[in-house]
Amino acid sequence: MVHPADTQSAATGAGDPVTPGVPLPTLTPETRPFFTEGLRGQLVITTCEDCGYLSHPPVPVCSRCLSYSVSPQPVSGSAQVEAFSINRYPWHPAFPPPYVVAIVSLREQQSVHLTTNIVGCDPEEVRVGMDVAVRFDVHQTAEGDRLALPVFTPVRDS
């Protein structure tokens, strides 16, 4: 679990909404916990209550044992970079280049992959196999809902 003090916007360093114009996901009953629990400092992943299998994106049925007993559960937020790309072209005004789009695998179950951004370092420092930890970019929808998009930052040796 991420400490609530770390649930700050990577862009502003505060819990306030960040860059206007960022495309935001549509919240559904299945995706709402994934995009809102970050406001409380938790990354949650749909977990089967019968066999413990983690599924992402959220699904209503366990893809391993077909149980309907699934619910969002907190995970550590520790992950490893599996693949990445450094975007150097200004595709969208809310994302000034350069920035890193990455696929990370969760420590709890390496088959769970999240497509995310790597923040808090120079894009040239990102490497496959790099250990990363979750933090959250907080945004507000046009409807006034607050949500927290998980992004990842390198784990620095102390």
N, C-alpha and C. Protein backbone atom coordinates (compact mmCIF):
# COMPACT_ATOMS: atom_id res chain seq x y z
N MET A 1 0.84 -1.17 0.00
CA MET A 1 0.00 0.00 0.00
C MET A 1 0.89 1.24 0.00
N VAL A 2 0.43 2.27 -0.67
CA VAL A 2 1.14 3.53 -0.74
C VAL A 2 0.71 4.39 0.42
N HIS A 3 1.64 5.06 1.04
CA HIS A 3 1.31 5.97 2.13
C HIS A 3 0.50 7.14 1.58
N PRO A 4 -0.60 7.53 2.25
CA PRO A 4 -1.44 8.63 1.75
C PRO A 4 -0.66 9.91 1.46
N ALA A 5 0.43 10.15 2.15
CA ALA A 5 1.21 11.35 1.87
C ALA A 5 1.85 11.29 0.49
N ASP A 6 1.96 10.09 -0.07
CA ASP A 6 2.56 9.92 -1.38
C ASP A 6 1.53 9.99 -2.50
N THR A 7 0.27 10.22 -2.18
CA THR A 7 -0.78 10.25 -3.20
C THR A 7 -0.88 11.65 -3.78
N GLN A 8 0.25 12.16 -4.20
CA GLN A 8 0.30 13.50 -4.74
C GLN A 8 0.42 13.44 -6.25
N SER A 9 0.03 14.51 -6.87
CA SER A 9 0.16 14.61 -8.30
C SER A 9 1.62 14.67 -8.68
N ALA A 10 1.99 13.84 -9.65
CA ALA A 10 3.37 13.85 -10.13
C ALA A 10 3.67 15.17 -10.82
N ALA A 11 2.65 15.82 -11.37
CA ALA A 11 2.88 17.06 -12.10
C ALA A 11 3.00 18.26 -11.18
N THR A 12 2.23 18.30 -10.11
CA THR A 12 2.22 19.49 -9.27
C THR A 12 2.84 19.30 -7.90
N GLY A 13 2.98 18.03 -7.46
CA GLY A 13 3.50 17.79 -6.13
C GLY A 13 2.46 18.03 -5.06
N ALA A 14 1.20 18.21 -5.46
CA ALA A 14 0.11 18.43 -4.52
C ALA A 14 -1.04 17.52 -4.89
N GLY A 15 -2.03 17.44 -4.03
CA GLY A 15 -3.17 16.60 -4.29
C GLY A 15 -4.20 17.26 -5.20
N ASP A 16 -3.91 18.42 -5.74
CA ASP A 16 -4.85 19.12 -6.60
C ASP A 16 -4.85 18.51 -7.99
N PRO A 17 -5.97 18.67 -8.72
CA PRO A 17 -6.01 18.19 -10.10
C PRO A 17 -4.89 18.80 -10.93
N VAL A 18 -4.40 18.02 -11.88
CA VAL A 18 -3.27 18.46 -12.71
C VAL A 18 -3.74 18.91 -14.08
N THR A 19 -2.84 18.90 -15.02
CA THR A 19 -3.00 19.44 -16.36
C THR A 19 -4.41 19.35 -16.92
N PRO A 20 -5.02 20.50 -17.21
CA PRO A 20 -6.34 20.47 -17.84
C PRO A 20 -6.23 19.81 -19.22
N GLY A 21 -7.30 19.17 -19.64
CA GLY A 21 -7.33 18.57 -20.97
C GLY A 21 -6.79 17.15 -21.04
N VAL A 22 -6.37 16.58 -19.92
CA VAL A 22 -5.90 15.20 -19.93
C VAL A 22 -7.08 14.29 -20.22
N PRO A 23 -6.99 13.43 -21.23
CA PRO A 23 -8.09 12.50 -21.49
C PRO A 23 -8.24 11.55 -20.29
N LEU A 24 -9.45 11.45 -19.79
CA LEU A 24 -9.70 10.64 -18.60
C LEU A 24 -10.60 9.45 -18.93
N PRO A 25 -10.45 8.37 -18.18
CA PRO A 25 -11.27 7.19 -18.43
C PRO A 25 -12.72 7.41 -18.02
N THR A 26 -13.60 6.67 -18.64
CA THR A 26 -14.99 6.65 -18.22
C THR A 26 -15.11 5.69 -17.05
N LEU A 27 -15.71 6.15 -15.97
CA LEU A 27 -15.85 5.29 -14.80
C LEU A 27 -17.08 4.40 -14.96
N THR A 28 -16.87 3.10 -14.71
CA THR A 28 -17.95 2.12 -14.70
C THR A 28 -17.94 1.47 -13.32
N PRO A 29 -18.95 0.70 -12.97
CA PRO A 29 -18.89 0.02 -11.67
C PRO A 29 -17.65 -0.86 -11.51
N GLU A 30 -17.19 -1.47 -12.60
CA GLU A 30 -16.00 -2.33 -12.52
C GLU A 30 -14.70 -1.53 -12.41
N THR A 31 -14.62 -0.38 -13.10
CA THR A 31 -13.36 0.37 -13.12
C THR A 31 -13.26 1.44 -12.04
N ARG A 32 -14.38 1.86 -11.47
CA ARG A 32 -14.36 2.94 -10.47
C ARG A 32 -13.34 2.70 -9.35
N PRO A 33 -13.30 1.51 -8.71
CA PRO A 33 -12.31 1.33 -7.63
C PRO A 33 -10.87 1.52 -8.10
N PHE A 34 -10.54 1.01 -9.30
CA PHE A 34 -9.18 1.13 -9.81
C PHE A 34 -8.78 2.60 -9.94
N PHE A 35 -9.72 3.44 -10.39
CA PHE A 35 -9.40 4.84 -10.64
C PHE A 35 -9.69 5.77 -9.47
N THR A 36 -10.29 5.28 -8.38
CA THR A 36 -10.58 6.16 -7.25
C THR A 36 -9.86 5.78 -5.96
N GLU A 37 -9.49 4.53 -5.78
CA GLU A 37 -8.83 4.14 -4.53
C GLU A 37 -7.45 4.78 -4.39
N GLY A 38 -6.86 5.22 -5.48
CA GLY A 38 -5.60 5.95 -5.40
C GLY A 38 -5.73 7.24 -4.61
N LEU A 39 -6.94 7.77 -4.52
CA LEU A 39 -7.16 8.97 -3.69
C LEU A 39 -6.91 8.66 -2.22
N ARG A 40 -6.99 7.39 -1.85
CA ARG A 40 -6.72 6.94 -0.47
C ARG A 40 -5.35 6.28 -0.37
N GLY A 41 -4.56 6.37 -1.44
CA GLY A 41 -3.21 5.82 -1.40
C GLY A 41 -3.11 4.35 -1.70
N GLN A 42 -4.13 3.76 -2.33
CA GLN A 42 -4.11 2.33 -2.59
C GLN A 42 -4.27 2.04 -4.07
N LEU A 43 -3.42 1.16 -4.58
CA LEU A 43 -3.62 0.58 -5.89
C LEU A 43 -4.41 -0.69 -5.68
N VAL A 44 -5.57 -0.80 -6.34
CA VAL A 44 -6.39 -2.00 -6.17
C VAL A 44 -6.50 -2.72 -7.50
N ILE A 45 -6.52 -4.04 -7.42
CA ILE A 45 -6.64 -4.92 -8.58
C ILE A 45 -7.73 -5.94 -8.28
N THR A 46 -8.55 -6.24 -9.27
CA THR A 46 -9.61 -7.23 -9.09
C THR A 46 -8.98 -8.57 -8.71
N THR A 47 -9.43 -9.13 -7.59
CA THR A 47 -8.86 -10.36 -7.04
C THR A 47 -9.96 -11.38 -6.81
N CYS A 48 -9.70 -12.62 -7.18
CA CYS A 48 -10.66 -13.69 -6.94
C CYS A 48 -10.60 -14.08 -5.47
N GLU A 49 -11.75 -14.09 -4.83
CA GLU A 49 -11.82 -14.46 -3.43
C GLU A 49 -11.71 -15.97 -3.23
N ASP A 50 -11.89 -16.75 -4.30
CA ASP A 50 -11.80 -18.21 -4.20
C ASP A 50 -10.39 -18.73 -4.45
N CYS A 51 -9.73 -18.23 -5.51
CA CYS A 51 -8.40 -18.78 -5.84
C CYS A 51 -7.26 -17.78 -5.70
N GLY A 52 -7.59 -16.49 -5.47
CA GLY A 52 -6.55 -15.48 -5.26
C GLY A 52 -5.96 -14.89 -6.52
N TYR A 53 -6.46 -15.29 -7.69
CA TYR A 53 -5.92 -14.81 -8.96
C TYR A 53 -6.26 -13.33 -9.16
N LEU A 54 -5.29 -12.56 -9.64
CA LEU A 54 -5.48 -11.14 -9.93
C LEU A 54 -5.80 -10.96 -11.40
N SER A 55 -6.73 -10.06 -11.70
CA SER A 55 -7.12 -9.79 -13.09
C SER A 55 -7.14 -8.29 -13.35
N HIS A 56 -6.52 -7.91 -14.46
CA HIS A 56 -6.57 -6.52 -14.91
C HIS A 56 -6.54 -6.52 -16.42
N PRO A 57 -7.43 -5.76 -17.08
CA PRO A 57 -8.39 -4.84 -16.49
C PRO A 57 -9.47 -5.58 -15.69
N PRO A 58 -10.22 -4.83 -14.87
CA PRO A 58 -11.23 -5.46 -14.02
C PRO A 58 -12.26 -6.25 -14.83
N VAL A 59 -12.56 -7.44 -14.34
CA VAL A 59 -13.55 -8.31 -14.97
C VAL A 59 -14.50 -8.84 -13.89
N PRO A 60 -15.74 -9.18 -14.26
CA PRO A 60 -16.70 -9.65 -13.26
C PRO A 60 -16.57 -11.12 -12.89
N VAL A 61 -15.70 -11.85 -13.61
CA VAL A 61 -15.53 -13.29 -13.38
C VAL A 61 -14.03 -13.60 -13.38
N CYS A 62 -13.60 -14.44 -12.47
CA CYS A 62 -12.19 -14.85 -12.43
C CYS A 62 -11.84 -15.60 -13.72
N SER A 63 -10.79 -15.16 -14.37
CA SER A 63 -10.39 -15.81 -15.61
C SER A 63 -9.65 -17.13 -15.39
N ARG A 64 -9.31 -17.44 -14.14
CA ARG A 64 -8.66 -18.71 -13.84
C ARG A 64 -9.68 -19.78 -13.43
N CYS A 65 -10.53 -19.48 -12.45
CA CYS A 65 -11.44 -20.51 -11.92
C CYS A 65 -12.91 -20.25 -12.24
N LEU A 66 -13.20 -19.14 -12.92
CA LEU A 66 -14.55 -18.75 -13.35
C LEU A 66 -15.50 -18.42 -12.20
N SER A 67 -14.94 -18.12 -11.03
CA SER A 67 -15.75 -17.71 -9.89
C SER A 67 -16.27 -16.28 -10.11
N TYR A 68 -17.47 -16.03 -9.60
CA TYR A 68 -18.01 -14.68 -9.61
C TYR A 68 -17.65 -13.92 -8.34
N SER A 69 -16.92 -14.55 -7.45
CA SER A 69 -16.51 -13.92 -6.19
C SER A 69 -15.21 -13.14 -6.40
N VAL A 70 -15.33 -12.01 -7.07
CA VAL A 70 -14.17 -11.16 -7.31
C VAL A 70 -14.45 -9.78 -6.74
N SER A 71 -13.40 -9.13 -6.29
CA SER A 71 -13.54 -7.78 -5.75
C SER A 71 -12.20 -7.07 -5.83
N PRO A 72 -12.22 -5.73 -5.85
CA PRO A 72 -10.96 -4.99 -5.86
C PRO A 72 -10.27 -5.10 -4.50
N GLN A 73 -8.99 -5.47 -4.53
CA GLN A 73 -8.20 -5.60 -3.31
C GLN A 73 -6.90 -4.83 -3.45
N PRO A 74 -6.40 -4.25 -2.37
CA PRO A 74 -5.13 -3.52 -2.43
C PRO A 74 -3.96 -4.44 -2.75
N VAL A 75 -3.03 -3.92 -3.53
CA VAL A 75 -1.76 -4.58 -3.81
C VAL A 75 -0.65 -3.63 -3.39
N SER A 76 0.58 -4.11 -3.41
CA SER A 76 1.70 -3.32 -2.88
C SER A 76 2.03 -2.08 -3.69
N GLY A 77 1.77 -2.11 -4.99
CA GLY A 77 2.19 -1.00 -5.83
C GLY A 77 3.61 -1.14 -6.33
N SER A 78 4.27 -2.25 -5.98
CA SER A 78 5.61 -2.53 -6.48
C SER A 78 5.49 -3.23 -7.82
N ALA A 79 6.33 -2.82 -8.77
CA ALA A 79 6.25 -3.39 -10.11
C ALA A 79 7.62 -3.36 -10.77
N GLN A 80 7.67 -3.91 -11.96
CA GLN A 80 8.89 -3.94 -12.75
C GLN A 80 8.56 -3.56 -14.18
N VAL A 81 9.41 -2.74 -14.79
CA VAL A 81 9.21 -2.33 -16.18
C VAL A 81 9.46 -3.53 -17.09
N GLU A 82 8.47 -3.85 -17.91
CA GLU A 82 8.58 -4.96 -18.87
C GLU A 82 8.93 -4.45 -20.27
N ALA A 83 8.37 -3.29 -20.63
CA ALA A 83 8.63 -2.67 -21.94
C ALA A 83 8.31 -1.19 -21.81
N PHE A 84 8.91 -0.37 -22.68
CA PHE A 84 8.64 1.06 -22.62
C PHE A 84 8.97 1.72 -23.95
N SER A 85 8.43 2.91 -24.10
CA SER A 85 8.70 3.74 -25.26
C SER A 85 8.84 5.18 -24.77
N ILE A 86 9.81 5.88 -25.32
CA ILE A 86 9.95 7.30 -25.02
C ILE A 86 9.28 8.06 -26.15
N ASN A 87 8.20 8.74 -25.83
CA ASN A 87 7.50 9.54 -26.84
C ASN A 87 8.15 10.91 -26.93
N ARG A 88 8.56 11.26 -28.12
CA ARG A 88 9.23 12.54 -28.35
C ARG A 88 8.41 13.48 -29.23
N TYR A 89 7.24 13.04 -29.63
CA TYR A 89 6.37 13.83 -30.50
C TYR A 89 5.19 14.36 -29.70
N PRO A 90 4.78 15.61 -29.91
CA PRO A 90 3.66 16.16 -29.14
C PRO A 90 2.30 15.67 -29.66
N TRP A 91 1.92 14.45 -29.30
CA TRP A 91 0.67 13.86 -29.77
C TRP A 91 -0.55 14.54 -29.20
N HIS A 92 -0.43 15.06 -27.99
CA HIS A 92 -1.58 15.67 -27.31
C HIS A 92 -1.05 16.82 -26.47
N PRO A 93 -1.75 17.96 -26.44
CA PRO A 93 -1.24 19.11 -25.69
C PRO A 93 -1.06 18.87 -24.19
N ALA A 94 -1.79 17.90 -23.63
CA ALA A 94 -1.67 17.63 -22.20
C ALA A 94 -0.42 16.80 -21.87
N PHE A 95 0.28 16.30 -22.90
CA PHE A 95 1.44 15.43 -22.68
C PHE A 95 2.65 15.98 -23.43
N PRO A 96 3.31 16.99 -22.84
CA PRO A 96 4.49 17.53 -23.52
C PRO A 96 5.62 16.50 -23.54
N PRO A 97 6.28 16.33 -24.68
CA PRO A 97 7.38 15.37 -24.77
C PRO A 97 8.63 15.93 -24.11
N PRO A 98 9.57 15.07 -23.78
CA PRO A 98 9.47 13.61 -23.88
C PRO A 98 8.78 13.03 -22.64
N TYR A 99 8.11 11.91 -22.82
CA TYR A 99 7.51 11.19 -21.71
C TYR A 99 7.55 9.70 -22.02
N VAL A 100 7.46 8.90 -20.96
CA VAL A 100 7.61 7.45 -21.09
C VAL A 100 6.26 6.77 -20.90
N VAL A 101 5.90 5.95 -21.87
CA VAL A 101 4.77 5.04 -21.76
C VAL A 101 5.37 3.66 -21.54
N ALA A 102 4.91 2.96 -20.51
CA ALA A 102 5.52 1.68 -20.17
C ALA A 102 4.46 0.63 -19.85
N ILE A 103 4.86 -0.60 -19.97
CA ILE A 103 4.10 -1.73 -19.46
C ILE A 103 4.87 -2.23 -18.26
N VAL A 104 4.19 -2.28 -17.12
CA VAL A 104 4.81 -2.79 -15.90
C VAL A 104 4.06 -4.02 -15.43
N SER A 105 4.79 -4.93 -14.78
CA SER A 105 4.16 -6.12 -14.19
C SER A 105 4.20 -5.98 -12.68
N LEU A 106 3.10 -6.37 -12.05
CA LEU A 106 3.02 -6.27 -10.59
C LEU A 106 3.83 -7.37 -9.91
N ARG A 107 4.44 -7.04 -8.78
CA ARG A 107 5.22 -8.02 -8.01
C ARG A 107 4.37 -9.19 -7.54
N GLU A 108 3.12 -8.91 -7.17
CA GLU A 108 2.25 -9.97 -6.64
C GLU A 108 1.96 -11.05 -7.67
N GLN A 109 1.88 -10.66 -8.94
CA GLN A 109 1.56 -11.62 -9.99
C GLN A 109 2.08 -11.03 -11.30
N GLN A 110 3.18 -11.56 -11.81
CA GLN A 110 3.83 -10.95 -12.96
C GLN A 110 3.00 -10.96 -14.24
N SER A 111 1.94 -11.76 -14.27
CA SER A 111 1.09 -11.76 -15.47
C SER A 111 0.11 -10.58 -15.48
N VAL A 112 0.06 -9.81 -14.39
CA VAL A 112 -0.78 -8.61 -14.36
C VAL A 112 0.06 -7.44 -14.85
N HIS A 113 -0.36 -6.89 -15.99
CA HIS A 113 0.36 -5.78 -16.62
C HIS A 113 -0.50 -4.53 -16.63
N LEU A 114 0.13 -3.41 -16.36
CA LEU A 114 -0.52 -2.11 -16.44
C LEU A 114 0.22 -1.28 -17.47
N THR A 115 -0.51 -0.60 -18.32
CA THR A 115 0.07 0.39 -19.22
C THR A 115 0.00 1.71 -18.49
N THR A 116 1.14 2.39 -18.37
CA THR A 116 1.24 3.53 -17.48
C THR A 116 2.33 4.48 -17.97
N ASN A 117 2.59 5.50 -17.20
CA ASN A 117 3.73 6.38 -17.44
C ASN A 117 4.76 6.17 -16.34
N ILE A 118 6.03 6.33 -16.71
CA ILE A 118 7.11 6.35 -15.73
C ILE A 118 7.47 7.81 -15.53
N VAL A 119 7.42 8.26 -14.28
CA VAL A 119 7.66 9.66 -13.94
C VAL A 119 8.77 9.73 -12.89
N GLY A 120 9.23 10.92 -12.62
CA GLY A 120 10.20 11.11 -11.54
C GLY A 120 11.63 10.79 -11.92
N CYS A 121 11.90 10.70 -13.22
CA CYS A 121 13.27 10.46 -13.67
C CYS A 121 13.39 10.95 -15.11
N ASP A 122 14.61 11.08 -15.55
CA ASP A 122 14.85 11.40 -16.95
C ASP A 122 14.40 10.20 -17.79
N PRO A 123 13.66 10.42 -18.87
CA PRO A 123 13.22 9.29 -19.69
C PRO A 123 14.36 8.37 -20.13
N GLU A 124 15.54 8.91 -20.32
CA GLU A 124 16.68 8.10 -20.76
C GLU A 124 17.16 7.13 -19.68
N GLU A 125 16.74 7.33 -18.42
CA GLU A 125 17.14 6.44 -17.33
C GLU A 125 16.30 5.16 -17.26
N VAL A 126 15.13 5.15 -17.91
CA VAL A 126 14.22 4.00 -17.82
C VAL A 126 14.85 2.80 -18.52
N ARG A 127 14.72 1.63 -17.88
CA ARG A 127 15.26 0.39 -18.42
C ARG A 127 14.28 -0.75 -18.19
N VAL A 128 14.28 -1.71 -19.09
CA VAL A 128 13.53 -2.95 -18.86
C VAL A 128 14.12 -3.61 -17.62
N GLY A 129 13.27 -4.09 -16.73
CA GLY A 129 13.73 -4.70 -15.49
C GLY A 129 13.83 -3.73 -14.33
N MET A 130 13.66 -2.43 -14.59
CA MET A 130 13.75 -1.41 -13.53
C MET A 130 12.62 -1.62 -12.52
N ASP A 131 12.96 -1.56 -11.24
CA ASP A 131 11.96 -1.62 -10.18
C ASP A 131 11.30 -0.25 -10.05
N VAL A 132 9.96 -0.26 -9.99
CA VAL A 132 9.19 0.97 -9.89
C VAL A 132 8.12 0.82 -8.83
N ALA A 133 7.62 1.96 -8.36
CA ALA A 133 6.56 1.98 -7.34
C ALA A 133 5.47 2.94 -7.79
N VAL A 134 4.25 2.64 -7.40
CA VAL A 134 3.12 3.46 -7.81
C VAL A 134 3.07 4.79 -7.07
N ARG A 135 2.57 5.78 -7.73
CA ARG A 135 2.11 7.04 -7.16
C ARG A 135 0.93 7.45 -8.01
N PHE A 136 0.25 8.50 -7.68
CA PHE A 136 -1.00 8.81 -8.35
C PHE A 136 -1.06 10.25 -8.83
N ASP A 137 -1.54 10.42 -10.06
CA ASP A 137 -1.86 11.74 -10.59
C ASP A 137 -3.35 11.95 -10.36
N VAL A 138 -3.69 12.99 -9.65
CA VAL A 138 -5.09 13.26 -9.31
C VAL A 138 -5.69 14.21 -10.35
N HIS A 139 -6.88 13.86 -10.81
CA HIS A 139 -7.58 14.65 -11.82
C HIS A 139 -9.04 14.81 -11.42
N GLN A 140 -9.70 15.76 -12.05
CA GLN A 140 -11.13 15.95 -11.83
C GLN A 140 -11.83 15.88 -13.17
N THR A 141 -12.92 15.10 -13.24
CA THR A 141 -13.68 14.98 -14.47
C THR A 141 -14.58 16.19 -14.65
N ALA A 142 -15.13 16.33 -15.84
CA ALA A 142 -16.06 17.43 -16.11
C ALA A 142 -17.28 17.35 -15.21
N GLU A 143 -17.62 16.13 -14.77
CA GLU A 143 -18.76 15.94 -13.87
C GLU A 143 -18.42 16.21 -12.41
N GLY A 144 -17.16 16.51 -12.14
CA GLY A 144 -16.75 16.82 -10.77
C GLY A 144 -16.21 15.65 -9.98
N ASP A 145 -16.16 14.45 -10.59
CA ASP A 145 -15.57 13.29 -9.90
C ASP A 145 -14.06 13.44 -9.85
N ARG A 146 -13.48 13.10 -8.72
CA ARG A 146 -12.02 13.06 -8.62
C ARG A 146 -11.57 11.63 -8.86
N LEU A 147 -10.49 11.49 -9.60
CA LEU A 147 -9.91 10.16 -9.79
C LEU A 147 -8.41 10.26 -9.76
N ALA A 148 -7.78 9.12 -9.55
CA ALA A 148 -6.33 9.06 -9.40
C ALA A 148 -5.78 8.05 -10.40
N LEU A 149 -5.02 8.55 -11.36
CA LEU A 149 -4.42 7.67 -12.35
C LEU A 149 -3.09 7.15 -11.82
N PRO A 150 -2.90 5.83 -11.79
CA PRO A 150 -1.62 5.32 -11.32
C PRO A 150 -0.52 5.54 -12.32
N VAL A 151 0.57 6.10 -11.86
CA VAL A 151 1.81 6.23 -12.62
C VAL A 151 2.90 5.61 -11.74
N PHE A 152 4.05 5.38 -12.31
CA PHE A 152 5.10 4.70 -11.55
C PHE A 152 6.39 5.49 -11.60
N THR A 153 7.14 5.42 -10.52
CA THR A 153 8.40 6.11 -10.38
C THR A 153 9.49 5.11 -9.99
N PRO A 154 10.72 5.33 -10.43
CA PRO A 154 11.79 4.38 -10.09
C PRO A 154 11.99 4.27 -8.58
N VAL A 155 12.32 3.07 -8.16
CA VAL A 155 12.68 2.82 -6.77
C VAL A 155 14.17 3.13 -6.66
N ARG A 156 14.50 4.07 -5.86
CA ARG A 156 15.91 4.50 -5.69
C ARG A 156 16.50 3.74 -4.53
N ASP A 157 17.72 3.27 -4.71
CA ASP A 157 18.43 2.62 -3.61
C ASP A 157 18.74 3.65 -2.54
N SER A 158 18.51 3.27 -1.29
CA SER A 158 18.76 4.21 -0.17
C SER A 158 20.19 4.15 0.28
